[in-house]
Amino acid sequence: MAVPKRKTSKTRRNRRRAHKKTKAPTMAECPQCREVKVPHRVCQNCGYYKGKEIVEV
């Protein structure tokens, strides 16, 4: 079994983990009701997507 020869420093460990943070989701404005929504999804407020009513609200 492989065993590390030296202890990994805090700096090296933190540099490796630098890209693991989560990002806030991108938000877009609904063209129908001007409510904030996730892009490429049906609007939760009015039920429209790409100018067509998909879900009756």
PDB file of N, CA and C in Angstrom:
ATOM      1  N   MET A   1       0.842  -1.186   0.000  1.00  0.00           N
ATOM      2  CA  MET A   1       0.000   0.000   0.000  1.00  0.00           C
ATOM      3  C   MET A   1       0.886   1.248   0.000  1.00  0.00           C
ATOM      4  N   ALA A   2       0.561   2.229  -0.815  1.00  0.00           N
ATOM      5  CA  ALA A   2       1.367   3.448  -0.906  1.00  0.00           C
ATOM      6  C   ALA A   2       1.146   4.320   0.320  1.00  0.00           C
ATOM      7  N   VAL A   3       2.259   4.820   0.850  1.00  0.00           N
ATOM      8  CA  VAL A   3       2.219   5.695   2.017  1.00  0.00           C
ATOM      9  C   VAL A   3       2.968   6.972   1.659  1.00  0.00           C
ATOM     10  N   PRO A   4       2.417   8.172   1.972  1.00  0.00           N
ATOM     11  CA  PRO A   4       3.117   9.401   1.652  1.00  0.00           C
ATOM     12  C   PRO A   4       4.433   9.514   2.426  1.00  0.00           C
ATOM     13  N   LYS A   5       5.474   9.960   1.737  1.00  0.00           N
ATOM     14  CA  LYS A   5       6.791  10.086   2.370  1.00  0.00           C
ATOM     15  C   LYS A   5       6.850  11.310   3.280  1.00  0.00           C
ATOM     16  N   ARG A   6       6.156  12.384   2.881  1.00  0.00           N
ATOM     17  CA  ARG A   6       6.142  13.617   3.670  1.00  0.00           C
ATOM     18  C   ARG A   6       4.701  14.073   3.898  1.00  0.00           C
ATOM     19  N   LYS A   7       4.519  14.834   4.962  1.00  0.00           N
ATOM     20  CA  LYS A   7       3.209  15.404   5.265  1.00  0.00           C
ATOM     21  C   LYS A   7       2.869  16.471   4.218  1.00  0.00           C
ATOM     22  N   THR A   8       1.631  16.466   3.723  1.00  0.00           N
ATOM     23  CA  THR A   8       1.179  17.495   2.785  1.00  0.00           C
ATOM     24  C   THR A   8       0.937  18.779   3.568  1.00  0.00           C
ATOM     25  N   SER A   9       1.569  19.868   3.128  1.00  0.00           N
ATOM     26  CA  SER A   9       1.442  21.142   3.841  1.00  0.00           C
ATOM     27  C   SER A   9       0.033  21.707   3.689  1.00  0.00           C
ATOM     28  N   LYS A  10      -0.314  22.608   4.595  1.00  0.00           N
ATOM     29  CA  LYS A  10      -1.633  23.248   4.547  1.00  0.00           C
ATOM     30  C   LYS A  10      -1.813  24.049   3.262  1.00  0.00           C
ATOM     31  N   THR A  11      -0.743  24.701   2.813  1.00  0.00           N
ATOM     32  CA  THR A  11      -0.804  25.504   1.591  1.00  0.00           C
ATOM     33  C   THR A  11      -1.094  24.634   0.382  1.00  0.00           C
ATOM     34  N   ARG A  12      -0.376  23.522   0.256  1.00  0.00           N
ATOM     35  CA  ARG A  12      -0.572  22.616  -0.880  1.00  0.00           C
ATOM     36  C   ARG A  12      -1.970  22.003  -0.841  1.00  0.00           C
ATOM     37  N   ARG A  13      -2.428  21.625   0.332  1.00  0.00           N
ATOM     38  CA  ARG A  13      -3.762  21.052   0.498  1.00  0.00           C
ATOM     39  C   ARG A  13      -4.836  22.069   0.103  1.00  0.00           C
ATOM     40  N   ASN A  14      -4.676  23.317   0.564  1.00  0.00           N
ATOM     41  CA  ASN A  14      -5.665  24.360   0.268  1.00  0.00           C
ATOM     42  C   ASN A  14      -5.670  24.751  -1.209  1.00  0.00           C
ATOM     43  N   ARG A  15      -4.495  24.748  -1.851  1.00  0.00           N
ATOM     44  CA  ARG A  15      -4.438  25.024  -3.288  1.00  0.00           C
ATOM     45  C   ARG A  15      -5.184  23.962  -4.080  1.00  0.00           C
ATOM     46  N   ARG A  16      -5.073  22.719  -3.658  1.00  0.00           N
ATOM     47  CA  ARG A  16      -5.761  21.633  -4.337  1.00  0.00           C
ATOM     48  C   ARG A  16      -7.282  21.777  -4.187  1.00  0.00           C
ATOM     49  N   ARG A  17      -7.726  22.256  -3.042  1.00  0.00           N
ATOM     50  CA  ARG A  17      -9.167  22.392  -2.758  1.00  0.00           C
ATOM     51  C   ARG A  17      -9.756  23.723  -3.238  1.00  0.00           C
ATOM     52  N   ALA A  18      -8.971  24.573  -3.854  1.00  0.00           N
ATOM     53  CA  ALA A  18      -9.408  25.921  -4.220  1.00  0.00           C
ATOM     54  C   ALA A  18     -10.588  25.923  -5.184  1.00  0.00           C
ATOM     55  N   HIS A  19     -10.763  24.882  -6.000  1.00  0.00           N
ATOM     56  CA  HIS A  19     -11.815  24.862  -7.015  1.00  0.00           C
ATOM     57  C   HIS A  19     -13.042  24.091  -6.580  1.00  0.00           C
ATOM     58  N   LYS A  20     -13.098  23.636  -5.346  1.00  0.00           N
ATOM     59  CA  LYS A  20     -14.217  22.813  -4.883  1.00  0.00           C
ATOM     60  C   LYS A  20     -15.372  23.616  -4.311  1.00  0.00           C
ATOM     61  N   LYS A  21     -15.264  24.942  -4.317  1.00  0.00           N
ATOM     62  CA  LYS A  21     -16.333  25.758  -3.744  1.00  0.00           C
ATOM     63  C   LYS A  21     -17.574  25.721  -4.640  1.00  0.00           C
ATOM     64  N   THR A  22     -18.731  25.889  -4.039  1.00  0.00           N
ATOM     65  CA  THR A  22     -19.977  25.904  -4.795  1.00  0.00           C
ATOM     66  C   THR A  22     -20.277  27.338  -5.237  1.00  0.00           C
ATOM     67  N   LYS A  23     -20.943  27.455  -6.368  1.00  0.00           N
ATOM     68  CA  LYS A  23     -21.302  28.758  -6.917  1.00  0.00           C
ATOM     69  C   LYS A  23     -22.796  29.006  -6.723  1.00  0.00           C
ATOM     70  N   ALA A  24     -23.163  30.265  -6.640  1.00  0.00           N
ATOM     71  CA  ALA A  24     -24.573  30.632  -6.579  1.00  0.00           C
ATOM     72  C   ALA A  24     -25.195  30.379  -7.952  1.00  0.00           C
ATOM     73  N   PRO A  25     -26.425  29.869  -7.999  1.00  0.00           N
ATOM     74  CA  PRO A  25     -27.026  29.599  -9.299  1.00  0.00           C
ATOM     75  C   PRO A  25     -27.266  30.882 -10.095  1.00  0.00           C
ATOM     76  N   THR A  26     -27.120  30.796 -11.415  1.00  0.00           N
ATOM     77  CA  THR A  26     -27.362  31.929 -12.300  1.00  0.00           C
ATOM     78  C   THR A  26     -28.866  32.181 -12.367  1.00  0.00           C
ATOM     79  N   MET A  27     -29.248  33.431 -12.312  1.00  0.00           N
ATOM     80  CA  MET A  27     -30.662  33.776 -12.347  1.00  0.00           C
ATOM     81  C   MET A  27     -30.929  34.686 -13.547  1.00  0.00           C
ATOM     82  N   ALA A  28     -32.143  34.580 -14.109  1.00  0.00           N
ATOM     83  CA  ALA A  28     -32.550  35.401 -15.246  1.00  0.00           C
ATOM     84  C   ALA A  28     -33.944  35.950 -14.973  1.00  0.00           C
ATOM     85  N   GLU A  29     -34.302  36.981 -15.718  1.00  0.00           N
ATOM     86  CA  GLU A  29     -35.618  37.597 -15.542  1.00  0.00           C
ATOM     87  C   GLU A  29     -36.615  36.968 -16.495  1.00  0.00           C
ATOM     88  N   CYS A  30     -37.789  36.618 -15.999  1.00  0.00           N
ATOM     89  CA  CYS A  30     -38.848  36.069 -16.840  1.00  0.00           C
ATOM     90  C   CYS A  30     -39.411  37.186 -17.715  1.00  0.00           C
ATOM     91  N   PRO A  31     -39.478  36.986 -19.035  1.00  0.00           N
ATOM     92  CA  PRO A  31     -39.980  38.053 -19.905  1.00  0.00           C
ATOM     93  C   PRO A  31     -41.480  38.315 -19.745  1.00  0.00           C
ATOM     94  N   GLN A  32     -42.230  37.362 -19.213  1.00  0.00           N
ATOM     95  CA  GLN A  32     -43.681  37.533 -19.034  1.00  0.00           C
ATOM     96  C   GLN A  32     -44.014  38.328 -17.779  1.00  0.00           C
ATOM     97  N   CYS A  33     -43.503  37.878 -16.630  1.00  0.00           N
ATOM     98  CA  CYS A  33     -43.918  38.476 -15.352  1.00  0.00           C
ATOM     99  C   CYS A  33     -42.798  39.247 -14.650  1.00  0.00           C
ATOM    100  N   ARG A  34     -41.600  39.287 -15.246  1.00  0.00           N
ATOM    101  CA  ARG A  34     -40.443  40.004 -14.701  1.00  0.00           C
ATOM    102  C   ARG A  34     -39.978  39.430 -13.356  1.00  0.00           C
ATOM    103  N   GLU A  35     -40.353  38.220 -13.043  1.00  0.00           N
ATOM    104  CA  GLU A  35     -39.898  37.551 -11.819  1.00  0.00           C
ATOM    105  C   GLU A  35     -38.538  36.899 -12.089  1.00  0.00           C
ATOM    106  N   VAL A  36     -37.715  36.766 -11.064  1.00  0.00           N
ATOM    107  CA  VAL A  36     -36.404  36.137 -11.213  1.00  0.00           C
ATOM    108  C   VAL A  36     -36.574  34.620 -11.229  1.00  0.00           C
ATOM    109  N   LYS A  37     -35.929  33.960 -12.215  1.00  0.00           N
ATOM    110  CA  LYS A  37     -36.033  32.509 -12.342  1.00  0.00           C
ATOM    111  C   LYS A  37     -34.714  31.932 -12.822  1.00  0.00           C
ATOM    112  N   VAL A  38     -34.593  30.605 -12.754  1.00  0.00           N
ATOM    113  CA  VAL A  38     -33.411  29.913 -13.261  1.00  0.00           C
ATOM    114  C   VAL A  38     -33.541  29.833 -14.782  1.00  0.00           C
ATOM    115  N   PRO A  39     -32.480  30.124 -15.548  1.00  0.00           N
ATOM    116  CA  PRO A  39     -32.581  30.078 -17.010  1.00  0.00           C
ATOM    117  C   PRO A  39     -32.901  28.677 -17.528  1.00  0.00           C
ATOM    118  N   HIS A  40     -33.594  28.603 -18.641  1.00  0.00           N
ATOM    119  CA  HIS A  40     -33.961  27.356 -19.321  1.00  0.00           C
ATOM    120  C   HIS A  40     -34.896  26.491 -18.483  1.00  0.00           C
ATOM    121  N   ARG A  41     -35.693  27.118 -17.634  1.00  0.00           N
ATOM    122  CA  ARG A  41     -36.679  26.401 -16.819  1.00  0.00           C
ATOM    123  C   ARG A  41     -38.011  27.137 -16.910  1.00  0.00           C
ATOM    124  N   VAL A  42     -39.103  26.432 -16.653  1.00  0.00           N
ATOM    125  CA  VAL A  42     -40.427  27.051 -16.623  1.00  0.00           C
ATOM    126  C   VAL A  42     -40.481  27.990 -15.424  1.00  0.00           C
ATOM    127  N   CYS A  43     -41.068  29.157 -15.618  1.00  0.00           N
ATOM    128  CA  CYS A  43     -41.201  30.132 -14.536  1.00  0.00           C
ATOM    129  C   CYS A  43     -42.153  29.586 -13.473  1.00  0.00           C
ATOM    130  N   GLN A  44     -41.724  29.614 -12.225  1.00  0.00           N
ATOM    131  CA  GLN A  44     -42.547  29.103 -11.127  1.00  0.00           C
ATOM    132  C   GLN A  44     -43.718  30.037 -10.831  1.00  0.00           C
ATOM    133  N   ASN A  45     -43.585  31.296 -11.199  1.00  0.00           N
ATOM    134  CA  ASN A  45     -44.618  32.280 -10.880  1.00  0.00           C
ATOM    135  C   ASN A  45     -45.768  32.268 -11.899  1.00  0.00           C
ATOM    136  N   CYS A  46     -45.442  32.287 -13.203  1.00  0.00           N
ATOM    137  CA  CYS A  46     -46.494  32.402 -14.226  1.00  0.00           C
ATOM    138  C   CYS A  46     -46.675  31.133 -15.062  1.00  0.00           C
ATOM    139  N   GLY A  47     -45.710  30.207 -15.047  1.00  0.00           N
ATOM    140  CA  GLY A  47     -45.843  28.955 -15.792  1.00  0.00           C
ATOM    141  C   GLY A  47     -45.484  29.048 -17.266  1.00  0.00           C
ATOM    142  N   TYR A  48     -44.828  30.128 -17.693  1.00  0.00           N
ATOM    143  CA  TYR A  48     -44.460  30.310 -19.097  1.00  0.00           C
ATOM    144  C   TYR A  48     -43.012  29.884 -19.346  1.00  0.00           C
ATOM    145  N   TYR A  49     -42.756  29.405 -20.570  1.00  0.00           N
ATOM    146  CA  TYR A  49     -41.401  29.107 -21.028  1.00  0.00           C
ATOM    147  C   TYR A  49     -41.346  29.410 -22.505  1.00  0.00           C
ATOM    148  N   LYS A  50     -40.384  30.249 -22.918  1.00  0.00           N
ATOM    149  CA  LYS A  50     -40.208  30.667 -24.315  1.00  0.00           C
ATOM    150  C   LYS A  50     -41.493  31.253 -24.912  1.00  0.00           C
ATOM    151  N   GLY A  51     -42.222  32.046 -24.124  1.00  0.00           N
ATOM    152  CA  GLY A  51     -43.407  32.725 -24.612  1.00  0.00           C
ATOM    153  C   GLY A  51     -44.672  31.863 -24.670  1.00  0.00           C
ATOM    154  N   LYS A  52     -44.588  30.597 -24.264  1.00  0.00           N
ATOM    155  CA  LYS A  52     -45.759  29.717 -24.289  1.00  0.00           C
ATOM    156  C   LYS A  52     -46.100  29.284 -22.866  1.00  0.00           C
ATOM    157  N   GLU A  53     -47.400  29.159 -22.605  1.00  0.00           N
ATOM    158  CA  GLU A  53     -47.833  28.685 -21.280  1.00  0.00           C
ATOM    159  C   GLU A  53     -47.657  27.170 -21.228  1.00  0.00           C
ATOM    160  N   ILE A  54     -46.825  26.707 -20.319  1.00  0.00           N
ATOM    161  CA  ILE A  54     -46.548  25.282 -20.185  1.00  0.00           C
ATOM    162  C   ILE A  54     -47.344  24.692 -19.034  1.00  0.00           C
ATOM    163  N   VAL A  55     -47.386  25.400 -17.924  1.00  0.00           N
ATOM    164  CA  VAL A  55     -48.077  24.940 -16.732  1.00  0.00           C
ATOM    165  C   VAL A  55     -49.150  25.952 -16.386  1.00  0.00           C
ATOM    166  N   GLU A  56     -50.340  25.480 -16.115  1.00  0.00           N
ATOM    167  CA  GLU A  56     -51.414  26.381 -15.686  1.00  0.00           C
ATOM    168  C   GLU A  56     -51.227  26.700 -14.208  1.00  0.00           C
ATOM    169  N   VAL A  57     -51.186  28.007 -13.906  1.00  0.00           N
ATOM    170  CA  VAL A  57     -50.967  28.421 -12.518  1.00  0.00           C
ATOM    171  C   VAL A  57     -52.235  29.031 -11.971  1.00  0.00           C
TER     172      VAL A  57
END
